[in-house]
C-alpha atoms as a PDB file:
ATOM      1  CA  MET A   1      -1.734   8.346  16.313  1.00  0.00           C
ATOM      2  CA  ALA A   2      -0.319  11.855  16.434  1.00  0.00           C
ATOM      3  CA  ARG A   3      -0.620  12.724  12.734  1.00  0.00           C
ATOM      4  CA  GLY A   4      -3.970  11.019  12.100  1.00  0.00           C
ATOM      5  CA  SER A   5      -4.930   9.041   9.031  1.00  0.00           C
ATOM      6  CA  ILE A   6      -3.429   9.276   5.565  1.00  0.00           C
ATOM      7  CA  TYR A   7      -6.964  10.050   4.357  1.00  0.00           C
ATOM      8  CA  ASP A   8      -7.157  13.116   6.613  1.00  0.00           C
ATOM      9  CA  PHE A   9      -3.699  14.245   5.516  1.00  0.00           C
ATOM     10  CA  LEU A  10      -4.602  13.995   1.829  1.00  0.00           C
ATOM     11  CA  HIS A  11      -8.208  15.227   1.880  1.00  0.00           C
ATOM     12  CA  LYS A  12      -8.792  17.401   4.945  1.00  0.00           C
ATOM     13  CA  GLN A  13      -5.326  18.939   5.250  1.00  0.00           C
ATOM     14  CA  LYS A  14      -4.822  18.923   1.453  1.00  0.00           C
ATOM     15  CA  GLY A  15      -1.395  17.375   2.023  1.00  0.00           C
ATOM     16  CA  VAL A  16       0.782  16.132  -0.798  1.00  0.00           C
ATOM     17  CA  PHE A  17       3.488  13.480  -0.580  1.00  0.00           C
ATOM     18  CA  LYS A  18       6.740  13.959  -2.453  1.00  0.00           C
ATOM     19  CA  LEU A  19       7.867  10.757  -4.173  1.00  0.00           C
ATOM     20  CA  GLN A  20      10.352   9.845  -1.430  1.00  0.00           C
ATOM     21  CA  SER A  21       7.696  10.219   1.313  1.00  0.00           C
ATOM     22  CA  LEU A  22       5.095   8.378  -0.756  1.00  0.00           C
ATOM     23  CA  LEU A  23       7.456   5.436  -1.213  1.00  0.00           C
ATOM     24  CA  LYS A  24       8.187   5.405   2.540  1.00  0.00           C
ATOM     25  CA  VAL A  25       4.433   5.280   3.272  1.00  0.00           C
ATOM     26  CA  ALA A  26       4.011   2.447   0.764  1.00  0.00           C
ATOM     27  CA  LEU A  27       6.925   0.580   2.351  1.00  0.00           C
ATOM     28  CA  ASP A  28       5.491   0.997   5.868  1.00  0.00           C
ATOM     29  CA  VAL A  29       2.092  -0.270   4.715  1.00  0.00           C
ATOM     30  CA  SER A  30       3.667  -3.199   2.855  1.00  0.00           C
ATOM     31  CA  LYS A  31       5.685  -4.169   5.938  1.00  0.00           C
ATOM     32  CA  GLY A  32       2.542  -4.074   8.074  1.00  0.00           C
ATOM     33  CA  MET A  33       0.533  -6.105   5.591  1.00  0.00           C
ATOM     34  CA  ASN A  34       3.376  -8.576   5.151  1.00  0.00           C
ATOM     35  CA  TYR A  35       3.468  -9.100   8.928  1.00  0.00           C
ATOM     36  CA  LEU A  36      -0.291  -9.716   8.980  1.00  0.00           C
ATOM     37  CA  HIS A  37      -0.116 -12.163   6.064  1.00  0.00           C
ATOM     38  CA  GLN A  38       2.775 -14.032   7.694  1.00  0.00           C
ATOM     39  CA  ASN A  39       0.417 -14.543  10.635  1.00  0.00           C
ATOM     40  CA  ASN A  40      -2.475 -15.626   8.359  1.00  0.00           C
ATOM     41  CA  ILE A  41      -4.457 -12.435   9.020  1.00  0.00           C
ATOM     42  CA  ILE A  42      -6.315 -10.958   6.057  1.00  0.00           C
ATOM     43  CA  HIS A  43      -7.192  -7.277   6.638  1.00  0.00           C
ATOM     44  CA  ARG A  44      -9.953  -6.943   3.966  1.00  0.00           C
ATOM     45  CA  ASP A  45     -10.352  -3.154   4.268  1.00  0.00           C
ATOM     46  CA  LEU A  46      -7.011  -1.566   3.396  1.00  0.00           C
ATOM     47  CA  LYS A  47      -7.582   2.104   2.547  1.00  0.00           C
ATOM     48  CA  THR A  48      -6.111   5.495   3.450  1.00  0.00           C
ATOM     49  CA  ALA A  49      -8.599   6.012   6.303  1.00  0.00           C
ATOM     50  CA  ASN A  50      -7.181   2.868   7.956  1.00  0.00           C
ATOM     51  CA  LEU A  51      -3.549   3.971   7.678  1.00  0.00           C
ATOM     52  CA  LEU A  52      -2.404   6.015  10.669  1.00  0.00           C
ATOM     53  CA  MET A  53       0.789   8.083  10.944  1.00  0.00           C
ATOM     54  CA  ASP A  54       2.693   8.631  14.170  1.00  0.00           C
ATOM     55  CA  GLU A  55       4.771  11.668  15.182  1.00  0.00           C
ATOM     56  CA  HIS A  56       7.821  10.189  13.389  1.00  0.00           C
ATOM     57  CA  GLU A  57       5.846   9.758  10.128  1.00  0.00           C
ATOM     58  CA  VAL A  58       5.759   5.971  10.511  1.00  0.00           C
ATOM     59  CA  VAL A  59       2.550   4.570   9.034  1.00  0.00           C
ATOM     60  CA  LYS A  60       0.656   1.754  10.749  1.00  0.00           C
ATOM     61  CA  VAL A  61      -2.219  -0.365   9.440  1.00  0.00           C
ATOM     62  CA  ALA A  62      -5.337   0.007  11.612  1.00  0.00           C
ATOM     63  CA  ASP A  63      -9.020  -1.010  11.873  1.00  0.00           C
ATOM     64  CA  PHE A  64      -9.295  -4.768  11.951  1.00  0.00           C
ATOM     65  CA  GLY A  65     -13.104  -4.786  12.112  1.00  0.00           C
ATOM     66  CA  VAL A  66     -13.496  -7.030   9.070  1.00  0.00           C
ATOM     67  CA  ALA A  67     -10.129  -8.811   9.319  1.00  0.00           C
ATOM     68  CA  ARG A  68     -10.135 -12.604   9.398  1.00  0.00           C
ATOM     69  CA  VAL A  69      -7.718 -15.431  10.008  1.00  0.00           C
ATOM     70  CA  GLN A  70      -7.173 -17.305   6.757  1.00  0.00           C
ATOM     71  CA  THR A  71      -8.025 -20.978   7.005  1.00  0.00           C
ATOM     72  CA  GLN A  72      -6.033 -23.767   5.369  1.00  0.00           C
ATOM     73  CA  SER A  73      -8.591 -23.859   2.544  1.00  0.00           C
ATOM     74  CA  GLY A  74      -8.089 -20.161   1.866  1.00  0.00           C
ATOM     75  CA  VAL A  75     -11.858 -19.602   1.641  1.00  0.00           C
ATOM     76  CA  MET A  76     -13.013 -16.085   2.545  1.00  0.00           C
ATOM     77  CA  THR A  77     -16.364 -14.358   2.589  1.00  0.00           C
ATOM     78  CA  ALA A  78     -16.745 -12.327  -0.614  1.00  0.00           C
ATOM     79  CA  GLU A  79     -17.663  -8.652  -0.951  1.00  0.00           C
ATOM     80  CA  ILE A  80     -16.179  -7.448   2.335  1.00  0.00           C
ATOM     81  CA  GLY A  81     -14.520  -4.079   2.810  1.00  0.00           C
ATOM     82  CA  THR A  82     -14.991  -0.685   1.224  1.00  0.00           C
ATOM     83  CA  TYR A  83     -16.073  -0.938  -2.409  1.00  0.00           C
ATOM     84  CA  ARG A  84     -13.575   1.567  -3.875  1.00  0.00           C
ATOM     85  CA  TRP A  85     -10.673  -0.183  -2.176  1.00  0.00           C
ATOM     86  CA  MET A  86     -11.455  -3.805  -2.959  1.00  0.00           C
ATOM     87  CA  ALA A  87      -9.232  -6.091  -5.028  1.00  0.00           C
ATOM     88  CA  PRO A  88      -8.448  -4.770  -8.515  1.00  0.00           C
ATOM     89  CA  GLU A  89     -10.773  -7.061 -10.475  1.00  0.00           C
ATOM     90  CA  GLY A  90     -12.825  -3.892 -11.119  1.00  0.00           C
ATOM     91  CA  LEU A  91     -11.710  -0.799 -13.071  1.00  0.00           C
ATOM     92  CA  ARG A  92      -8.150   0.444 -12.557  1.00  0.00           C
ATOM     93  CA  PRO A  93      -7.511   4.185 -12.208  1.00  0.00           C
ATOM     94  CA  GLN A  94      -5.300   5.841 -14.799  1.00  0.00           C
ATOM     95  CA  ILE A  95      -1.685   6.245 -13.691  1.00  0.00           C
ATOM     96  CA  PRO A  96      -0.487   9.843 -14.189  1.00  0.00           C
ATOM     97  CA  LYS A  97       2.122  10.185 -16.949  1.00  0.00           C
ATOM     98  CA  GLN A  98       4.661  11.844 -14.618  1.00  0.00           C
ATOM     99  CA  THR A  99       4.731   8.777 -12.317  1.00  0.00           C
ATOM    100  CA  HIS A 100       8.166   7.214 -11.874  1.00  0.00           C
ATOM    101  CA  PRO A 101       8.402   4.336 -14.409  1.00  0.00           C
ATOM    102  CA  LYS A 102       9.370   1.771 -11.732  1.00  0.00           C
ATOM    103  CA  LEU A 103       6.370   2.784  -9.619  1.00  0.00           C
ATOM    104  CA  THR A 104       4.139   2.431 -12.682  1.00  0.00           C
ATOM    105  CA  GLU A 105       5.613  -1.040 -13.242  1.00  0.00           C
ATOM    106  CA  LEU A 106       4.893  -2.007  -9.614  1.00  0.00           C
ATOM    107  CA  LEU A 107       1.302  -0.766  -9.815  1.00  0.00           C
ATOM    108  CA  GLU A 108       0.715  -2.694 -13.031  1.00  0.00           C
ATOM    109  CA  LYS A 109       2.116  -5.871 -11.460  1.00  0.00           C
ATOM    110  CA  CYS A 110      -0.244  -5.435  -8.495  1.00  0.00           C
ATOM    111  CA  TRP A 111      -3.159  -4.993 -10.908  1.00  0.00           C
ATOM    112  CA  GLN A 112      -2.651  -8.195 -12.899  1.00  0.00           C
ATOM    113  CA  GLN A 113      -5.996  -9.708 -13.843  1.00  0.00           C
ATOM    114  CA  ASP A 114      -4.900 -13.098 -12.517  1.00  0.00           C
ATOM    115  CA  PRO A 115      -4.387 -12.757  -8.719  1.00  0.00           C
ATOM    116  CA  ALA A 116      -1.726 -15.500  -8.847  1.00  0.00           C
ATOM    117  CA  GLN A 117       0.410 -13.203 -11.035  1.00  0.00           C
ATOM    118  CA  ARG A 118       0.389 -10.351  -8.470  1.00  0.00           C
ATOM    119  CA  PRO A 119       3.391  -9.906  -6.156  1.00  0.00           C
ATOM    120  CA  ASN A 120       2.982 -10.726  -2.468  1.00  0.00           C
ATOM    121  CA  PHE A 121       3.898  -8.130   0.137  1.00  0.00           C
ATOM    122  CA  ALA A 122       7.405  -9.534   0.635  1.00  0.00           C
ATOM    123  CA  GLU A 123       8.032  -9.004  -3.097  1.00  0.00           C
ATOM    124  CA  ILE A 124       6.470  -5.537  -2.950  1.00  0.00           C
ATOM    125  CA  ILE A 125       8.799  -4.644  -0.055  1.00  0.00           C
ATOM    126  CA  GLU A 126      11.775  -5.687  -2.187  1.00  0.00           C
ATOM    127  CA  MET A 127      10.596  -3.630  -5.164  1.00  0.00           C
ATOM    128  CA  LEU A 128       9.859  -0.555  -3.024  1.00  0.00           C
ATOM    129  CA  THR A 129      13.206  -0.792  -1.225  1.00  0.00           C
ATOM    130  CA  GLN A 130      14.995  -0.908  -4.584  1.00  0.00           C
ATOM    131  CA  LEU A 131      12.965   2.028  -5.872  1.00  0.00           C
ATOM    132  CA  ILE A 132      13.711   4.073  -2.730  1.00  0.00           C
ATOM    133  CA  LEU A 133      17.431   3.428  -3.229  1.00  0.00           C
ATOM    134  CA  GLU A 134      17.182   4.557  -6.877  1.00  0.00           C
ATOM    135  CA  VAL A 135      15.254   7.705  -5.966  1.00  0.00           C
ATOM    136  CA  ASN A 136      17.749   8.543  -3.195  1.00  0.00           C
ATOM    137  CA  LEU A 137      20.711   8.007  -5.547  1.00  0.00           C
ATOM    138  CA  TYR A 138      19.109  10.194  -8.195  1.00  0.00           C
ATOM    139  CA  LYS A 139      18.310  12.869  -5.618  1.00  0.00           C
ATOM    140  CA  HIS A 140      21.935  12.952  -4.438  1.00  0.00           C
ATOM    141  CA  ASP A 141      23.370  12.861  -7.980  1.00  0.00           C
ATOM    142  CA  SER A 142      21.237  15.757  -9.184  1.00  0.00           C
ATOM    143  CA  ARG A 143      22.475  18.244  -6.562  1.00  0.00           C
END
């Protein structure tokens, strides 16, 4: 992909996403993950190094080396993927105070201790779409 990984953008190029761009990246990733889940594919290694950006700044989910098709039973091999990016049953990072309150709310919903209480990607897409609309309205109102 023309623009490389999100990891490279953030760490090697020292890039920074403005809120609007960050939300667009999150929406692209959520759409990709939702598509995979609709097709019973579990990625198991979602991280910035596996998110690639094309020349139009569209982000795609990549690297399916540890992905699996979910069986009817839902049983998966444990402890797969990159440790820092595994499910949030471990420690949660602190959310910066200047984070948009609706984004903070979304993060906290995704970090619920009980996995059944976390939103699925279709719900995340809805929340992100609403947040993008709010941010765009605010941006246009504040000019």
